[in-house]
């Protein structure tokens, strides 16, 4: 039970907190509608040519559809339904610049893929020593492109940190860096600045301390939803949670206190987000003056569109007060 899991965590979970008046955020672009529906998202920056960065959409019918930031449909990777995507950009495999992508299938298998920077194609890559079975979710951790780190959440409540390298062998090599069994089952994950946040299988949001043996340090009651961790320019962090019963993103501090609500409003030709679902964020440049600070992608479960928010227009950045 969530209450039992949180009983050992301080502070205690929040109860009966009124939803703050929403703060408007504005889309710079809108993609879709995605006719096959949106299961999960990942942003795939191009390490060599930023304006050729891409958006990966795991659809509800299976596979991954690749889009440009302008919304042009590209390569389609045929595959199972992926419930979780985690990408580390700038990975060099045999002198080929790629995004290294770990994905979790609907039947809880962990899959290793790469996204070719040059053509935007998605294809499998073999990784040795990385167990694939019994996986709930995966997220990318702060790391160097040469040695990507991922957090892998297992069905047996294990939280694992893995490093993946190209050693020149026939396959990429994975090394487990640390692991622990958490007090509650986890099914979602996001990270920024070495801070890790997860969602519980039965609801709730948790902060995970990974400085030594991973452990839940804080938690709060929340219904099932998606989360993404935002790192601001002054190195502070907050979590955005998409609550399926609300049309806002709940902004939550690392100590598990809700500090604000954000609402993606109508912006020129870009529609508002009425039912936020899957989320993805990247601090890498996607080119030009507008997208150079990175992006937040928000799927709208109401119309199957994706709104792209320029990252430094979010609260916590110098430009969050500029008039529109």
Protein backbone atom coordinates (compact mmCIF):
# COMPACT_ATOMS: atom_id res chain seq x y z
CA UNK A 1 0.00 0.00 0.00
CA UNK A 2 1.16 3.52 -0.74
CA UNK A 3 0.50 4.77 2.80
CA UNK A 4 2.60 1.94 4.23
CA UNK A 5 5.43 2.65 1.81
CA UNK A 6 5.43 6.33 2.73
CA UNK A 7 5.24 5.74 6.45
CA UNK A 8 9.02 5.30 6.58
CA UNK A 9 9.64 8.42 4.49
CA UNK A 10 9.79 11.99 5.74
CA UNK A 11 7.98 14.31 5.35
CA UNK A 12 4.56 12.64 5.46
CA UNK A 13 2.45 12.69 2.29
CA UNK A 14 0.36 15.78 1.66
CA UNK A 15 -3.35 15.58 2.21
CA UNK A 16 -6.23 17.70 0.86
CA UNK A 17 -4.04 20.32 -0.84
CA UNK A 18 -6.03 22.85 -2.88
CA UNK A 19 -4.99 23.18 -6.52
CA UNK A 20 -3.23 26.55 -7.10
CA UNK A 21 -4.49 28.97 -9.73
CA UNK A 22 -2.80 27.79 -12.97
CA UNK A 23 0.08 29.68 -14.57
CA UNK A 24 -0.11 29.80 -18.36
CA UNK A 25 2.70 28.36 -20.49
CA UNK A 26 2.72 28.63 -24.28
CA UNK A 27 3.49 26.22 -27.11
CA UNK A 28 6.01 27.15 -29.77
CA UNK A 29 4.76 24.36 -32.06
CA UNK A 30 2.11 21.66 -32.24
CA UNK A 31 2.51 18.24 -33.87
CA UNK A 32 -0.24 15.89 -34.95
CA UNK A 33 -2.83 14.66 -34.44
CA UNK A 34 -1.15 11.26 -34.09
CA UNK A 35 -3.78 8.97 -35.55
CA UNK A 36 -2.49 5.86 -33.74
CA UNK A 37 -2.53 7.57 -30.31
CA UNK A 38 0.37 8.41 -28.01
CA UNK A 39 1.68 5.93 -25.46
CA UNK A 40 5.04 7.55 -24.55
CA UNK A 41 7.45 10.21 -25.83
CA UNK A 42 11.17 10.93 -26.08
CA UNK A 43 13.10 13.88 -27.48
CA UNK A 44 16.05 12.87 -29.66
CA UNK A 45 18.51 15.75 -30.10
CA UNK A 46 20.97 15.65 -33.00
CA UNK A 47 24.46 16.10 -31.51
CA UNK A 48 25.94 17.32 -34.80
CA UNK A 49 23.13 19.35 -36.42
CA UNK A 50 20.81 20.69 -33.67
CA UNK A 51 18.01 21.80 -36.01
CA UNK A 52 17.65 18.18 -37.15
CA UNK A 53 16.62 17.04 -33.68
CA UNK A 54 13.61 14.71 -33.58
CA UNK A 55 10.65 13.61 -31.50
CA UNK A 56 10.00 9.91 -30.91
CA UNK A 57 6.38 8.89 -30.46
CA UNK A 58 5.62 5.39 -29.20
CA UNK A 59 2.10 4.86 -30.48
CA UNK A 60 -0.76 2.98 -28.84
CA UNK A 61 -0.80 0.53 -31.76
CA UNK A 62 2.91 -0.30 -31.51
CA UNK A 63 6.24 0.88 -32.84
CA UNK A 64 7.92 4.28 -32.79
CA UNK A 65 7.12 7.09 -35.23
CA UNK A 66 9.84 9.69 -35.76
CA UNK A 67 8.92 13.35 -36.31
CA UNK A 68 10.92 16.49 -36.94
CA UNK A 69 10.35 19.44 -34.60
CA UNK A 70 8.40 21.03 -37.47
CA UNK A 71 6.01 18.07 -37.38
CA UNK A 72 7.15 16.26 -40.52
CA UNK A 73 6.69 12.50 -40.26
CA UNK A 74 9.83 10.46 -40.87
CA UNK A 75 11.03 6.93 -40.17
CA UNK A 76 8.62 4.40 -38.62
CA UNK A 77 10.15 1.71 -36.43
CA UNK A 78 7.85 -1.30 -36.44
CA UNK A 79 7.69 -2.92 -33.05
CA UNK A 80 5.63 -3.69 -29.95
CA UNK A 81 3.84 -1.13 -27.79
CA UNK A 82 6.43 0.80 -25.77
CA UNK A 83 5.24 2.16 -22.42
CA UNK A 84 8.51 3.89 -21.46
CA UNK A 85 11.28 5.54 -23.52
CA UNK A 86 14.65 6.90 -22.31
CA UNK A 87 17.21 8.43 -24.65
CA UNK A 88 20.81 9.58 -24.13
CA UNK A 89 21.99 11.83 -27.02
CA UNK A 90 25.44 12.07 -28.54
CA UNK A 91 26.41 8.40 -28.13
CA UNK A 92 29.24 7.42 -30.49
CA UNK A 93 28.95 3.84 -31.74
CA UNK A 94 31.68 2.85 -34.21
CA UNK A 95 32.08 6.54 -35.20
CA UNK A 96 28.34 6.87 -35.83
CA UNK A 97 26.63 9.64 -33.84
CA UNK A 98 23.41 8.31 -32.33
CA UNK A 99 20.92 8.60 -29.54
CA UNK A 100 21.06 5.50 -27.35
CA UNK A 101 17.48 4.52 -26.55
CA UNK A 102 16.19 2.09 -23.95
CA UNK A 103 12.51 1.23 -24.17
CA UNK A 104 10.10 -0.91 -22.17
CA UNK A 105 7.45 -2.96 -23.95
CA UNK A 106 3.90 -3.52 -22.78
CA UNK A 107 4.89 -7.05 -21.71
CA UNK A 108 7.68 -5.64 -19.49
CA UNK A 109 10.67 -6.39 -21.71
CA UNK A 110 13.62 -3.97 -21.88
CA UNK A 111 14.70 -3.22 -25.45
CA UNK A 112 17.92 -1.49 -26.62
CA UNK A 113 17.77 0.72 -29.72
CA UNK A 114 19.70 3.53 -31.37
CA UNK A 115 18.50 6.57 -33.29
CA UNK A 116 20.84 7.43 -36.15
CA UNK A 117 21.54 11.20 -36.09
CA UNK A 118 22.11 11.38 -39.85
CA UNK A 119 18.90 9.70 -41.05
CA UNK A 120 16.67 9.54 -37.99
CA UNK A 121 16.27 5.78 -38.30
CA UNK A 122 15.56 3.64 -35.24
CA UNK A 123 16.96 0.13 -35.08
CA UNK A 124 17.95 -2.48 -32.45
CA UNK A 125 21.44 -2.65 -31.00
CA UNK A 126 22.71 -5.65 -29.01
CA UNK A 127 23.78 -4.98 -25.41
CA UNK A 128 25.46 -7.67 -23.31
CA UNK A 129 24.89 -8.23 -19.59
CA UNK A 130 21.71 -6.11 -19.41
CA UNK A 131 18.74 -8.21 -18.16
CA UNK A 132 15.63 -7.54 -20.23
CA UNK A 133 12.81 -9.28 -18.35
CA UNK A 134 10.50 -7.94 -15.65
CA UNK A 135 10.97 -4.22 -16.38
CA UNK A 136 8.41 -1.53 -15.51
CA UNK A 137 10.15 1.64 -16.70
CA UNK A 138 13.45 3.29 -17.59
CA UNK A 139 14.85 6.83 -17.53
CA UNK A 140 18.10 8.49 -18.53
CA UNK A 141 20.41 9.83 -15.80
CA UNK A 142 22.91 12.69 -15.95
CA UNK A 143 26.01 11.32 -17.66
CA UNK A 144 28.52 11.86 -20.43
CA UNK A 145 27.59 10.84 -24.01
CA UNK A 146 30.46 8.32 -24.07
CA UNK A 147 29.17 6.47 -21.00
CA UNK A 148 25.37 6.81 -20.78
CA UNK A 149 23.66 5.99 -17.49
CA UNK A 150 20.12 4.69 -17.16
CA UNK A 151 17.85 3.90 -14.22
CA UNK A 152 15.92 0.66 -14.74
CA UNK A 153 12.83 -0.09 -12.62
CA UNK A 154 11.94 -3.75 -12.21
CA UNK A 155 8.68 -5.52 -11.39
CA UNK A 156 10.25 -6.94 -8.21
CA UNK A 157 10.70 -3.35 -6.88
CA UNK A 158 14.41 -3.30 -7.75
CA UNK A 159 15.83 0.07 -8.79
CA UNK A 160 19.02 -0.38 -10.84
CA UNK A 161 21.55 2.02 -12.38
CA UNK A 162 23.30 0.78 -15.52
CA UNK A 163 26.20 2.14 -17.55
CA UNK A 164 26.52 1.23 -21.25
CA UNK A 165 29.73 1.48 -23.28
CA UNK A 166 30.99 0.68 -26.76
CA UNK A 167 34.19 -1.23 -26.01
CA UNK A 168 34.77 -2.41 -29.59
CA UNK A 169 33.32 -5.86 -28.84
CA UNK A 170 30.60 -7.45 -30.97
CA UNK A 171 27.98 -5.97 -28.66
CA UNK A 172 27.69 -2.93 -26.42
CA UNK A 173 28.58 -3.71 -22.82
CA UNK A 174 26.36 -2.94 -19.83
CA UNK A 175 27.61 -2.66 -16.23
CA UNK A 176 25.38 -2.45 -13.17
CA UNK A 177 26.57 0.50 -11.08
CA UNK A 178 24.19 0.14 -8.12
CA UNK A 179 20.84 -1.35 -7.14
CA UNK A 180 18.39 -1.66 -4.28
CA UNK A 181 14.90 -2.97 -3.56
CA UNK A 182 12.46 -0.11 -2.91
CA UNK A 183 9.56 -0.17 -0.48
CA UNK A 184 6.91 0.19 -3.18
CA UNK A 185 6.48 -0.89 -6.83
CA UNK A 186 7.48 1.84 -9.29
CA UNK A 187 6.25 2.31 -12.86
CA UNK A 188 7.62 5.69 -14.03
CA UNK A 189 10.86 7.61 -13.80
CA UNK A 190 12.48 10.97 -14.64
CA UNK A 191 15.76 12.60 -13.67
CA UNK A 192 17.62 15.93 -13.72
CA UNK A 193 20.89 17.07 -12.15
CA UNK A 194 21.43 13.67 -10.48
CA UNK A 195 18.01 13.87 -8.82
CA UNK A 196 15.64 11.01 -9.60
CA UNK A 197 11.85 11.01 -9.24
CA UNK A 198 9.49 8.11 -9.78
CA UNK A 199 5.79 7.32 -9.86
CA UNK A 200 4.32 4.45 -7.91
CA UNK A 201 2.44 1.61 -9.54
CA UNK A 202 -0.46 2.33 -7.17
CA UNK A 203 -0.11 6.12 -7.34
CA UNK A 204 2.18 8.58 -5.59
CA UNK A 205 5.37 10.44 -6.53
CA UNK A 206 8.70 9.65 -4.89
CA UNK A 207 12.16 11.19 -4.70
CA UNK A 208 14.96 8.61 -4.96
CA UNK A 209 18.33 9.27 -3.32
CA UNK A 210 21.02 7.66 -5.52
CA UNK A 211 24.09 9.06 -3.73
CA UNK A 212 24.82 5.61 -2.32
CA UNK A 213 22.38 2.70 -2.23
CA UNK A 214 19.17 3.93 -3.93
CA UNK A 215 16.41 4.65 -1.42
CA UNK A 216 13.10 6.55 -1.33
CA UNK A 217 13.78 9.77 0.59
CA UNK A 218 10.44 11.59 0.15
CA UNK A 219 6.99 10.82 -1.20
CA UNK A 220 3.58 12.34 -1.69
CA UNK A 221 0.10 11.13 -2.58
CA UNK A 222 -0.90 11.67 -6.21
CA UNK A 223 -3.07 9.70 -8.65
CA UNK A 224 -1.38 7.70 -11.40
CA UNK A 225 0.09 9.95 -14.08
CA UNK A 226 3.28 10.92 -15.90
CA UNK A 227 6.20 12.96 -14.58
CA UNK A 228 9.15 14.87 -15.98
CA UNK A 229 11.97 16.57 -14.06
CA UNK A 230 12.91 20.12 -15.12
CA UNK A 231 16.36 21.56 -14.31
CA UNK A 232 16.45 25.37 -14.46
CA UNK A 233 19.42 27.59 -15.27
CA UNK A 234 20.19 28.16 -11.59
CA UNK A 235 20.42 24.39 -10.99
CA UNK A 236 17.13 24.16 -9.11
CA UNK A 237 14.76 21.34 -10.03
CA UNK A 238 11.07 20.70 -10.02
CA UNK A 239 8.80 17.92 -11.23
CA UNK A 240 5.81 18.31 -13.54
CA UNK A 241 3.06 15.75 -13.03
CA UNK A 242 0.24 15.19 -15.51
CA UNK A 243 -2.84 14.36 -13.47
CA UNK A 244 -5.39 12.55 -15.69
CA UNK A 245 -8.30 14.18 -13.87
CA UNK A 246 -7.03 17.75 -14.39
CA UNK A 247 -6.10 19.90 -17.40
CA UNK A 248 -2.96 21.22 -15.70
CA UNK A 249 0.56 20.06 -14.94
CA UNK A 250 1.22 20.06 -11.21
CA UNK A 251 4.58 21.62 -10.33
CA UNK A 252 6.24 19.84 -7.40
CA UNK A 253 9.45 20.74 -5.54
CA UNK A 254 12.08 18.08 -4.66
CA UNK A 255 10.79 18.04 -1.06
CA UNK A 256 7.44 16.85 -2.49
CA UNK A 257 5.55 20.10 -1.92
CA UNK A 258 3.31 21.31 -4.75
CA UNK A 259 4.38 24.86 -5.64
CA UNK A 260 2.23 25.70 -8.69
CA UNK A 261 0.06 24.43 -11.53
CA UNK A 262 0.93 25.05 -15.20
CA UNK A 263 -1.57 25.13 -18.04
CA UNK A 264 -0.53 24.99 -21.71
CA UNK A 265 -2.74 27.75 -23.12
CA UNK A 266 -3.80 28.67 -26.66
CA UNK A 267 -0.80 30.16 -28.46
CA UNK A 268 -1.33 31.58 -31.95
CA UNK A 269 -2.29 28.56 -34.07
CA UNK A 270 -1.27 26.07 -31.37
CA UNK A 271 -4.24 24.68 -29.41
CA UNK A 272 -4.29 24.47 -25.62
CA UNK A 273 -3.49 21.18 -23.92
CA UNK A 274 -6.76 20.02 -22.42
CA UNK A 275 -5.74 16.59 -21.07
CA UNK A 276 -1.95 16.31 -20.56
CA UNK A 277 -0.53 12.81 -20.81
CA UNK A 278 2.94 11.62 -21.82
CA UNK A 279 5.81 14.04 -21.18
CA UNK A 280 9.43 14.42 -22.34
CA UNK A 281 12.09 17.08 -21.84
CA UNK A 282 15.57 17.84 -23.15
CA UNK A 283 18.07 20.59 -22.36
CA UNK A 284 19.90 19.99 -25.67
CA UNK A 285 19.53 22.51 -28.47
CA UNK A 286 17.05 21.84 -31.24
CA UNK A 287 18.40 24.70 -33.36
CA UNK A 288 17.59 28.30 -34.10
CA UNK A 289 16.97 31.08 -31.63
CA UNK A 290 13.66 29.61 -30.49
CA UNK A 291 14.59 26.00 -29.75
CA UNK A 292 18.22 26.45 -28.65
CA UNK A 293 17.38 26.13 -24.93
CA UNK A 294 15.75 22.73 -25.28
CA UNK A 295 12.14 21.60 -25.26
CA UNK A 296 9.32 20.18 -23.17
CA UNK A 297 6.94 17.93 -25.10
CA UNK A 298 3.38 17.39 -23.80
CA UNK A 299 0.99 14.87 -25.32
CA UNK A 300 -2.69 15.82 -25.23
CA UNK A 301 -4.84 12.74 -24.63
CA UNK A 302 -7.89 14.68 -25.81
CA UNK A 303 -6.79 15.35 -29.40
CA UNK A 304 -3.61 13.20 -29.74
CA UNK A 305 -1.49 16.27 -30.49
CA UNK A 306 1.94 17.11 -29.05
CA UNK A 307 2.73 20.62 -27.83
CA UNK A 308 6.36 21.76 -27.79
CA UNK A 309 7.24 24.29 -25.08
CA UNK A 310 10.60 26.08 -25.24
CA UNK A 311 12.28 24.99 -22.01
CA UNK A 312 13.54 28.38 -20.83
CA UNK A 313 10.04 29.90 -21.06
CA UNK A 314 8.96 27.64 -18.19
CA UNK A 315 8.87 28.96 -14.59
CA UNK A 316 12.30 29.18 -12.98
CA UNK A 317 14.04 30.74 -15.98
CA UNK A 318 14.81 34.43 -16.54
CA UNK A 319 12.31 34.65 -19.39
CA UNK A 320 9.29 33.19 -17.59
CA UNK A 321 7.83 36.65 -17.00
CA UNK A 322 8.16 38.09 -20.50
CA UNK A 323 4.97 39.34 -22.10
CA UNK A 324 3.33 37.39 -24.92
